[in-house]
Amino acid sequence: MADRVVTLNAGSSSVKFALFAADADWPRLIVSGAVEGLGAKPRFRAAIVDGDASDRPLAAKLTHKQAIAAIFEWIEDAYPAAAVSAIGHRVVHGGLSFAAPIIVDAETLAELREFIPLAPLHQPHNIAGIEVARDAFPHVPQVACFDTAFHRGHAFVDDAYALPYSYYERGLRRFGFHGLSYEYISRRLRTIDPVHAEGGVIIAHLGNGASLCAMKGGRSIATSMGFSALEGLPMGTRCGQIDPGLLLYLLQSDAMTPEELSHLLYERSGLLGLSGVSHDMRTLEASEDPRAQAAIAYFIHRIKMEIAALAAAIGGFDALVFTAGIGEHSPRVRAGVVEGLGWLGLTLDTAANSRNDPVISAAQSRIPVFVTPTDEEAMIARHTIETAGLTAAAR
C-alpha cells in the first residue's frame, strides 16, 4: 500500500487539510476538508473522494491549535488503518534560509518564528500547525513547504530595493509569495498547453490574498509581492502598493504606533477599506453601493497595471492564467482585466468567460487566456513525498 501523507494549509480564519496516497505519477487525493470560520462560527467540513461528506459546527471560541487537533482526531477516527507517513505544511515565509522544502526540527522552528513580523496573518498559524502535528505524531517527519521558495532564483534587479546595499545583504529584499500555487499552475500548464508553458506566462493568483507572477520556461522571473505579503495588488484586507511616504506621515502626524499601522495595512485596508462593505468579492459584486463598485474598479485597474509591468520584465508574454477564488470564479474581474489589455493582443470570449471555461480567450486572440484551478495541497503533498523519501506505489 502507498504511503499516506497529510497536508495542512493554515490561514488567518481557516485550516485546510487533505489526505493523499503517494502514488507513482502524482499524489492521489483520498479526502479533503477544512475548519472554516475561525474567530466567528467555526465549521468542520470534509469530503471523501467518491464517498461520504461531513459537515458540522464546532465550538465558537476554537483556536487554530484546537482546530488542527480536531482535524487529526477526525483523520485517525475515519482512517484507523491508514498510518500517516509524513505531514506537509504550507509555510508562507522562508526568508533567505529556505529555498526548498525541509524536514522541520527545533532549530528550524525557531528560525521560522523570526519571520512572523513579515507574514503576521499566516506565519503564526503555519507554525502552530507544525507544533500540533509534532505533538500528535512525534515520530512522523514534518515537512515545511515554503511559498517564497519558488521565487528564490530571481535576478538582483527583480529582488532588490533601492536602499543602501548593506540592507540587501541583510536580506531586506523582495521575496514573493503564493509560490506553491504558481509552481502547481506551472506544472499543470505543461499538460494543458506545453508549447506556451515554456514561453512567457503571467499567472494571476486572485483570492483574498492576491499577486501576480511572470514566468519563463516554468521558472519565476518576477512577481508583484515583495518583502512582505503587503506589496503589489490590493487584497481582501491588505493595502497592496502604497507610497512609503504616506506611512511616514501616518507615523508622524497621526502618531500611530507600529502595531496600529500594521493592523491598518493588514486588516483594515484593501477591498474592505475601500468599499466599507466587505473584503469578499462576491459580496461586493452583489452590492449596489458606489464604494463597493469603486473598490472592484480599483482592483481591476491595479491588476492591469501590474500585468503590464510584469510583461515588460519578461519581454512580453505568451499566455495569461487566472487562478484562486476570484480568478476562478469572477467573470466580471476577468473580463475587466482581459478587455483592458486588448492593446496587448488579448481578446475575450464572453460566453466562455461567463461559464468559467478552462479557456476564455477568443479564437482570434493573439494570447491565450486560461482559467485553471490551483491545488496547493497537491503541491505540498508532492514536495512532502519527495523530501521525506517516501515510497510511491503504482496504482
Protein backbone atom coordinates (compact mmCIF):
# COMPACT_ATOMS: atom_id res chain seq x y z
CA MET A 1 0.00 0.00 0.00
CA ALA A 2 1.24 3.50 -0.81
CA ASP A 3 2.38 5.76 1.99
CA ARG A 4 -0.17 8.24 3.31
CA VAL A 5 0.56 11.96 3.56
CA VAL A 6 -1.43 14.66 5.38
CA THR A 7 -1.18 18.28 4.25
CA LEU A 8 -2.03 21.34 6.34
CA ASN A 9 -2.62 24.85 4.99
CA ALA A 10 -3.38 27.17 7.91
CA GLY A 11 -4.63 30.69 7.17
CA SER A 12 -5.96 33.54 9.27
CA SER A 13 -9.52 32.18 9.56
CA SER A 14 -9.33 28.61 8.28
CA VAL A 15 -7.23 25.46 8.24
CA LYS A 16 -7.39 23.36 5.08
CA PHE A 17 -6.28 19.75 5.16
CA ALA A 18 -6.03 16.77 2.85
CA LEU A 19 -5.00 13.12 2.95
CA PHE A 20 -3.10 11.76 -0.04
CA ALA A 21 -1.72 8.43 -1.18
CA ALA A 22 1.82 8.57 -2.55
CA ASP A 23 1.02 7.17 -5.99
CA ALA A 24 3.71 6.88 -8.63
CA ASP A 25 2.79 9.71 -11.00
CA TRP A 26 1.19 12.25 -8.69
CA PRO A 27 -0.26 12.26 -5.14
CA ARG A 28 -3.74 10.73 -5.17
CA LEU A 29 -6.33 12.61 -3.11
CA ILE A 30 -8.25 10.49 -0.60
CA VAL A 31 -10.04 13.15 1.43
CA SER A 32 -10.00 16.93 1.66
CA GLY A 33 -11.56 19.32 4.11
CA ALA A 34 -11.22 22.38 6.27
CA VAL A 35 -12.09 24.03 9.52
CA GLU A 36 -13.56 27.36 8.42
CA GLY A 37 -14.88 30.43 10.20
CA LEU A 38 -12.29 30.54 12.97
CA GLY A 39 -12.94 33.61 15.10
CA ALA A 40 -16.62 33.61 14.12
CA LYS A 41 -18.69 30.44 13.61
CA PRO A 42 -16.29 27.54 13.07
CA ARG A 43 -17.40 24.57 11.00
CA PHE A 44 -15.66 21.31 10.16
CA ARG A 45 -16.08 20.09 6.59
CA ALA A 46 -14.60 17.01 4.95
CA ALA A 47 -15.28 15.22 1.68
CA ILE A 48 -14.06 11.73 0.85
CA VAL A 49 -13.31 11.18 -2.82
CA ASP A 50 -16.21 9.14 -4.25
CA GLY A 51 -17.60 8.81 -0.74
CA ASP A 52 -19.33 10.49 2.17
CA ALA A 53 -19.07 14.07 3.36
CA SER A 54 -19.01 15.53 6.87
CA ASP A 55 -20.24 18.99 7.86
CA ARG A 56 -20.72 20.04 11.48
CA PRO A 57 -20.34 23.11 13.70
CA LEU A 58 -17.51 23.41 16.20
CA ALA A 59 -17.06 25.33 19.45
CA ALA A 60 -17.33 29.09 18.96
CA LYS A 61 -14.00 30.04 20.57
CA LEU A 62 -11.94 27.37 18.83
CA THR A 63 -8.26 28.29 18.44
CA HIS A 64 -6.11 27.33 15.46
CA LYS A 65 -4.31 24.72 17.54
CA GLN A 66 -7.62 23.20 18.66
CA ALA A 67 -8.86 23.19 15.06
CA ILE A 68 -5.76 21.34 13.89
CA ALA A 69 -6.10 18.85 16.75
CA ALA A 70 -9.73 18.25 15.69
CA ILE A 71 -8.56 17.55 12.14
CA PHE A 72 -6.07 14.92 13.28
CA GLU A 73 -8.67 13.29 15.54
CA TRP A 74 -11.08 13.05 12.60
CA ILE A 75 -8.43 11.52 10.33
CA GLU A 76 -7.48 8.92 12.95
CA ASP A 77 -11.16 8.02 13.50
CA ALA A 78 -12.05 7.91 9.79
CA TYR A 79 -8.90 6.06 8.70
CA PRO A 80 -7.69 3.98 11.66
CA ALA A 81 -5.75 1.62 9.40
CA ALA A 82 -4.10 4.36 7.32
CA ALA A 83 -0.80 5.07 9.03
CA VAL A 84 0.38 8.61 8.30
CA SER A 85 3.93 8.52 6.91
CA ALA A 86 4.59 12.27 6.72
CA ILE A 87 2.85 15.61 7.22
CA GLY A 88 3.39 18.53 4.88
CA HIS A 89 2.83 22.14 5.91
CA ARG A 90 2.39 25.29 3.89
CA VAL A 91 4.69 27.90 5.40
CA VAL A 92 4.27 31.35 3.92
CA HIS A 93 7.73 32.82 4.60
CA GLY A 94 11.06 31.02 4.36
CA GLY A 95 13.30 34.09 4.12
CA LEU A 96 16.74 33.64 2.59
CA SER A 97 17.36 30.48 4.58
CA PHE A 98 14.93 28.11 2.87
CA ALA A 99 14.88 27.78 -0.91
CA ALA A 100 13.40 24.27 -0.89
CA PRO A 101 11.16 22.12 1.34
CA ILE A 102 12.81 20.83 4.50
CA ILE A 103 12.13 18.42 7.35
CA VAL A 104 11.42 20.54 10.42
CA ASP A 105 13.37 20.28 13.65
CA ALA A 106 13.54 22.51 16.73
CA GLU A 107 16.20 24.75 15.19
CA THR A 108 14.13 25.22 12.03
CA LEU A 109 11.05 26.12 14.06
CA ALA A 110 12.97 28.79 15.93
CA GLU A 111 14.12 30.33 12.66
CA LEU A 112 10.61 30.26 11.20
CA ARG A 113 9.35 32.24 14.19
CA GLU A 114 11.72 35.06 13.22
CA PHE A 115 9.68 35.59 10.03
CA ILE A 116 6.37 36.18 11.87
CA PRO A 117 6.60 40.01 11.53
CA LEU A 118 6.88 39.58 7.74
CA ALA A 119 3.69 37.50 7.43
CA PRO A 120 1.66 38.10 10.59
CA LEU A 121 -1.63 36.85 9.13
CA HIS A 122 -0.22 33.43 8.22
CA GLN A 123 3.16 32.54 9.72
CA PRO A 124 1.95 32.13 13.33
CA HIS A 125 -0.78 29.72 12.21
CA ASN A 126 1.62 27.82 9.94
CA ILE A 127 3.92 27.31 12.91
CA ALA A 128 1.01 26.31 15.15
CA GLY A 129 0.16 23.56 12.66
CA ILE A 130 3.68 22.19 12.83
CA GLU A 131 3.70 22.26 16.64
CA VAL A 132 0.39 20.42 16.98
CA ALA A 133 1.40 17.87 14.35
CA ARG A 134 4.71 17.18 16.08
CA ASP A 135 2.87 16.55 19.35
CA ALA A 136 0.26 14.30 17.71
CA PHE A 137 2.74 12.40 15.51
CA PRO A 138 6.14 12.70 17.24
CA HIS A 139 7.86 10.11 15.03
CA VAL A 140 6.45 11.31 11.69
CA PRO A 141 8.51 13.69 9.50
CA GLN A 142 7.09 17.21 9.36
CA VAL A 143 7.92 18.87 6.03
CA ALA A 144 7.75 22.65 5.63
CA CYS A 145 6.93 23.79 2.08
CA PHE A 146 7.57 27.48 1.50
CA ASP A 147 5.54 29.97 -0.52
CA THR A 148 8.69 32.03 -1.02
CA ALA A 149 10.90 29.20 -2.34
CA PHE A 150 9.59 29.26 -5.93
CA HIS A 151 10.85 32.83 -6.33
CA ARG A 152 14.33 32.42 -4.86
CA GLY A 153 16.05 32.31 -8.28
CA HIS A 154 15.23 35.93 -9.16
CA ALA A 155 17.88 38.23 -10.56
CA PHE A 156 19.16 41.15 -8.48
CA VAL A 157 17.06 43.69 -10.40
CA ASP A 158 13.88 41.76 -9.54
CA ASP A 159 14.82 41.23 -5.90
CA ALA A 160 16.40 44.47 -4.73
CA TYR A 161 15.01 47.67 -3.27
CA ALA A 162 16.90 50.92 -3.95
CA LEU A 163 18.23 51.17 -0.42
CA PRO A 164 21.91 51.06 0.62
CA TYR A 165 23.37 47.72 -0.50
CA SER A 166 24.02 46.70 3.10
CA TYR A 167 20.25 46.31 3.55
CA TYR A 168 20.12 43.90 0.61
CA GLU A 169 22.93 41.90 2.19
CA ARG A 170 20.91 41.74 5.42
CA GLY A 171 18.09 40.09 3.49
CA LEU A 172 15.80 43.10 3.10
CA ARG A 173 14.71 42.27 -0.41
CA ARG A 174 11.68 41.14 -2.42
CA PHE A 175 10.70 37.54 -1.66
CA GLY A 176 7.34 37.00 -3.38
CA PHE A 177 4.61 34.65 -2.19
CA HIS A 178 1.94 32.19 -3.43
CA GLY A 179 4.84 30.12 -4.76
CA LEU A 180 3.16 26.76 -4.16
CA SER A 181 0.19 27.89 -6.26
CA TYR A 182 2.43 29.19 -9.04
CA GLU A 183 4.51 26.03 -9.06
CA TYR A 184 1.37 23.89 -9.36
CA ILE A 185 -0.03 26.02 -12.21
CA SER A 186 3.35 25.89 -13.97
CA ARG A 187 3.27 22.08 -13.90
CA ARG A 188 -0.41 21.97 -14.86
CA LEU A 189 0.10 24.29 -17.82
CA ARG A 190 2.72 21.94 -19.24
CA THR A 191 -0.10 19.39 -19.58
CA ILE A 192 -2.72 21.83 -20.86
CA ASP A 193 -0.56 23.75 -23.33
CA PRO A 194 3.08 22.58 -23.34
CA VAL A 195 4.16 24.99 -26.09
CA HIS A 196 3.01 28.17 -24.36
CA ALA A 197 4.04 26.80 -20.94
CA GLU A 198 7.70 27.05 -21.93
CA GLY A 199 7.37 30.66 -23.09
CA GLY A 200 6.45 33.77 -21.16
CA VAL A 201 3.49 33.19 -18.85
CA ILE A 202 1.78 35.54 -16.41
CA ILE A 203 -0.30 33.92 -13.67
CA ALA A 204 -2.87 35.92 -11.72
CA HIS A 205 -3.47 34.35 -8.31
CA LEU A 206 -6.54 36.32 -7.25
CA GLY A 207 -8.09 35.43 -3.93
CA ASN A 208 -8.38 37.05 -0.52
CA GLY A 209 -4.63 37.30 -0.94
CA ALA A 210 -3.66 38.31 -4.46
CA SER A 211 -0.49 38.50 -6.51
CA LEU A 212 0.91 38.00 -10.00
CA CYS A 213 3.90 36.02 -11.24
CA ALA A 214 5.78 36.27 -14.54
CA MET A 215 7.47 33.04 -15.63
CA LYS A 216 9.70 31.81 -18.43
CA GLY A 217 10.37 28.15 -19.02
CA GLY A 218 8.27 27.35 -15.96
CA ARG A 219 10.52 29.42 -13.67
CA SER A 220 9.55 32.50 -11.70
CA ILE A 221 11.25 35.60 -13.09
CA ALA A 222 9.35 38.40 -11.33
CA THR A 223 6.37 38.77 -9.02
CA SER A 224 4.17 41.55 -7.67
CA MET A 225 4.61 40.81 -3.96
CA GLY A 226 7.79 41.84 -2.19
CA PHE A 227 9.45 41.76 1.22
CA SER A 228 6.11 41.09 2.89
CA ALA A 229 2.70 39.89 1.75
CA LEU A 230 1.50 43.51 1.61
CA GLU A 231 3.09 44.68 -1.63
CA GLY A 232 1.53 44.68 -5.09
CA LEU A 233 -2.17 44.16 -5.68
CA PRO A 234 -4.86 45.31 -3.24
CA MET A 235 -6.32 42.31 -1.43
CA GLY A 236 -9.27 41.46 0.75
CA THR A 237 -7.98 43.43 3.75
CA ARG A 238 -4.38 44.25 2.72
CA CYS A 239 -3.43 47.52 1.09
CA GLY A 240 -1.14 46.44 -1.74
CA GLN A 241 1.08 49.06 -3.37
CA ILE A 242 1.43 52.22 -1.30
CA ASP A 243 3.80 55.20 -1.12
CA PRO A 244 6.17 54.71 1.87
CA GLY A 245 5.94 58.45 2.43
CA LEU A 246 2.29 58.01 3.37
CA LEU A 247 3.31 55.53 6.07
CA LEU A 248 5.85 58.02 7.45
CA TYR A 249 3.11 60.64 7.51
CA LEU A 250 0.78 58.35 9.49
CA LEU A 251 3.51 57.53 11.99
CA GLN A 252 4.43 61.18 12.49
CA SER A 253 1.26 63.24 12.02
CA ASP A 254 -1.28 60.70 13.33
CA ALA A 255 1.13 59.41 16.00
CA MET A 256 0.28 55.83 15.04
CA THR A 257 2.21 53.07 16.74
CA PRO A 258 3.83 50.34 14.62
CA GLU A 259 1.16 47.94 15.89
CA GLU A 260 -1.65 50.28 14.84
CA LEU A 261 -0.08 50.80 11.43
CA SER A 262 0.32 47.04 10.95
CA HIS A 263 -3.34 46.50 11.85
CA LEU A 264 -4.38 49.21 9.38
CA LEU A 265 -2.34 47.81 6.49
CA TYR A 266 -3.05 44.12 7.03
CA GLU A 267 -6.61 44.04 8.33
CA ARG A 268 -8.46 47.30 7.57
CA SER A 269 -7.35 48.11 4.04
CA GLY A 270 -7.74 46.56 0.58
CA LEU A 271 -11.23 45.86 -0.73
CA LEU A 272 -12.68 46.13 2.77
CA GLY A 273 -11.13 49.52 3.40
CA LEU A 274 -12.02 50.97 0.00
CA SER A 275 -15.59 49.70 -0.01
CA GLY A 276 -16.54 49.93 3.63
CA VAL A 277 -18.75 46.94 2.79
CA SER A 278 -16.76 43.70 2.71
CA HIS A 279 -13.48 42.03 1.87
CA ASP A 280 -15.36 39.38 -0.16
CA MET A 281 -15.55 39.96 -3.92
CA ARG A 282 -18.87 38.08 -4.12
CA THR A 283 -20.45 40.50 -1.67
CA LEU A 284 -19.02 43.50 -3.50
CA GLU A 285 -20.26 42.30 -6.89
CA ALA A 286 -23.76 41.89 -5.47
CA SER A 287 -23.73 45.30 -3.79
CA GLU A 288 -25.20 48.48 -5.29
CA ASP A 289 -23.07 50.66 -3.02
CA PRO A 290 -20.95 53.00 -5.20
CA ARG A 291 -17.93 52.43 -2.96
CA ALA A 292 -18.19 48.68 -3.49
CA GLN A 293 -18.20 49.23 -7.24
CA ALA A 294 -15.27 51.64 -6.96
CA ALA A 295 -13.29 49.03 -5.00
CA ILE A 296 -13.82 46.47 -7.77
CA ALA A 297 -12.76 49.01 -10.40
CA TYR A 298 -9.60 49.80 -8.41
CA PHE A 299 -8.78 46.09 -8.05
CA ILE A 300 -9.09 45.53 -11.82
CA HIS A 301 -7.08 48.68 -12.55
CA ARG A 302 -4.18 47.56 -10.37
CA ILE A 303 -4.17 44.08 -11.90
CA LYS A 304 -3.87 45.57 -15.40
CA MET A 305 -1.03 47.85 -14.32
CA GLU A 306 0.88 45.02 -12.65
CA ILE A 307 0.43 42.71 -15.66
CA ALA A 308 1.82 45.40 -17.96
CA ALA A 309 4.84 45.84 -15.68
CA LEU A 310 5.50 42.10 -15.49
CA ALA A 311 5.15 41.81 -19.27
CA ALA A 312 7.98 44.32 -19.57
CA ALA A 313 10.08 42.31 -17.10
CA ILE A 314 9.96 39.20 -19.31
CA GLY A 315 9.86 40.88 -22.72
CA GLY A 316 6.21 40.10 -23.44
CA PHE A 317 4.14 37.04 -22.64
CA ASP A 318 2.56 34.12 -24.47
CA ALA A 319 -0.22 33.10 -22.05
CA LEU A 320 -2.26 34.51 -19.17
CA VAL A 321 -3.67 32.26 -16.43
CA PHE A 322 -6.29 33.18 -13.83
CA THR A 323 -6.43 31.09 -10.66
CA ALA A 324 -7.57 31.09 -6.98
CA GLY A 325 -11.02 32.09 -5.69
CA ILE A 326 -11.61 35.32 -7.59
CA GLY A 327 -9.54 34.28 -10.58
CA GLU A 328 -11.50 31.05 -10.99
CA HIS A 329 -14.99 32.34 -10.18
CA SER A 330 -15.34 36.03 -11.11
CA PRO A 331 -16.19 36.57 -14.80
CA ARG A 332 -16.53 40.28 -14.09
CA VAL A 333 -12.97 40.70 -12.81
CA ARG A 334 -11.50 38.56 -15.59
CA ALA A 335 -13.44 40.48 -18.25
CA GLY A 336 -12.27 43.81 -16.87
CA VAL A 337 -8.65 42.67 -16.97
CA VAL A 338 -8.68 40.98 -20.38
CA GLU A 339 -10.68 43.69 -22.13
CA GLY A 340 -8.40 46.32 -20.62
CA LEU A 341 -5.38 44.54 -22.10
CA GLY A 342 -6.77 44.33 -25.61
CA TRP A 343 -3.89 46.52 -26.81
CA LEU A 344 -1.56 43.62 -25.96
CA GLY A 345 -3.48 41.26 -28.23
CA LEU A 346 -5.91 39.67 -25.76
CA THR A 347 -9.48 39.07 -26.93
CA LEU A 348 -12.16 37.70 -24.62
CA ASP A 349 -14.74 35.04 -25.45
CA THR A 350 -17.59 36.49 -23.41
CA ALA A 351 -19.68 33.32 -23.35
CA ALA A 352 -16.74 31.13 -22.32
CA ASN A 353 -15.82 33.61 -19.62
CA SER A 354 -19.35 33.65 -18.20
CA ARG A 355 -19.20 29.83 -17.91
CA ASN A 356 -15.77 29.86 -16.21
CA ASP A 357 -14.48 27.68 -19.07
CA PRO A 358 -10.86 26.46 -18.98
CA VAL A 359 -10.06 28.72 -21.96
CA ILE A 360 -11.76 32.13 -22.07
CA SER A 361 -9.88 33.80 -24.94
CA ALA A 362 -11.50 34.11 -28.36
CA ALA A 363 -10.13 32.13 -31.29
CA GLN A 364 -8.56 35.29 -32.76
CA SER A 365 -6.82 36.26 -29.51
CA ARG A 366 -3.07 36.54 -30.01
CA ILE A 367 -2.52 35.43 -26.42
CA PRO A 368 -4.50 32.51 -24.93
CA VAL A 369 -6.18 33.12 -21.58
CA PHE A 370 -6.78 30.20 -19.21
CA VAL A 371 -8.83 29.67 -16.06
CA THR A 372 -7.01 26.94 -14.13
CA PRO A 373 -7.89 25.81 -10.59
CA THR A 374 -4.89 25.78 -8.31
CA ASP A 375 -4.09 22.95 -5.89
CA GLU A 376 -1.58 24.00 -3.27
CA GLU A 377 -2.36 20.89 -1.22
CA ALA A 378 -1.30 18.56 -4.04
CA MET A 379 1.90 20.55 -4.46
CA ILE A 380 2.60 20.30 -0.74
CA ALA A 381 1.94 16.54 -0.88
CA ARG A 382 4.33 16.13 -3.81
CA HIS A 383 7.11 18.01 -2.01
CA THR A 384 6.45 16.08 1.19
CA ILE A 385 6.70 12.71 -0.54
CA GLU A 386 9.98 13.69 -2.19
CA THR A 387 11.53 15.38 0.86
CA ALA A 388 10.59 12.59 3.28
CA GLY A 389 11.80 9.93 0.82
CA LEU A 390 8.52 8.03 0.82
CA THR A 391 7.60 5.11 -1.40
CA ALA A 392 5.37 5.95 -4.35
CA ALA A 393 3.21 2.94 -5.18
CA ALA A 394 1.86 2.31 -8.67
CA ARG A 395 -1.89 2.48 -8.89
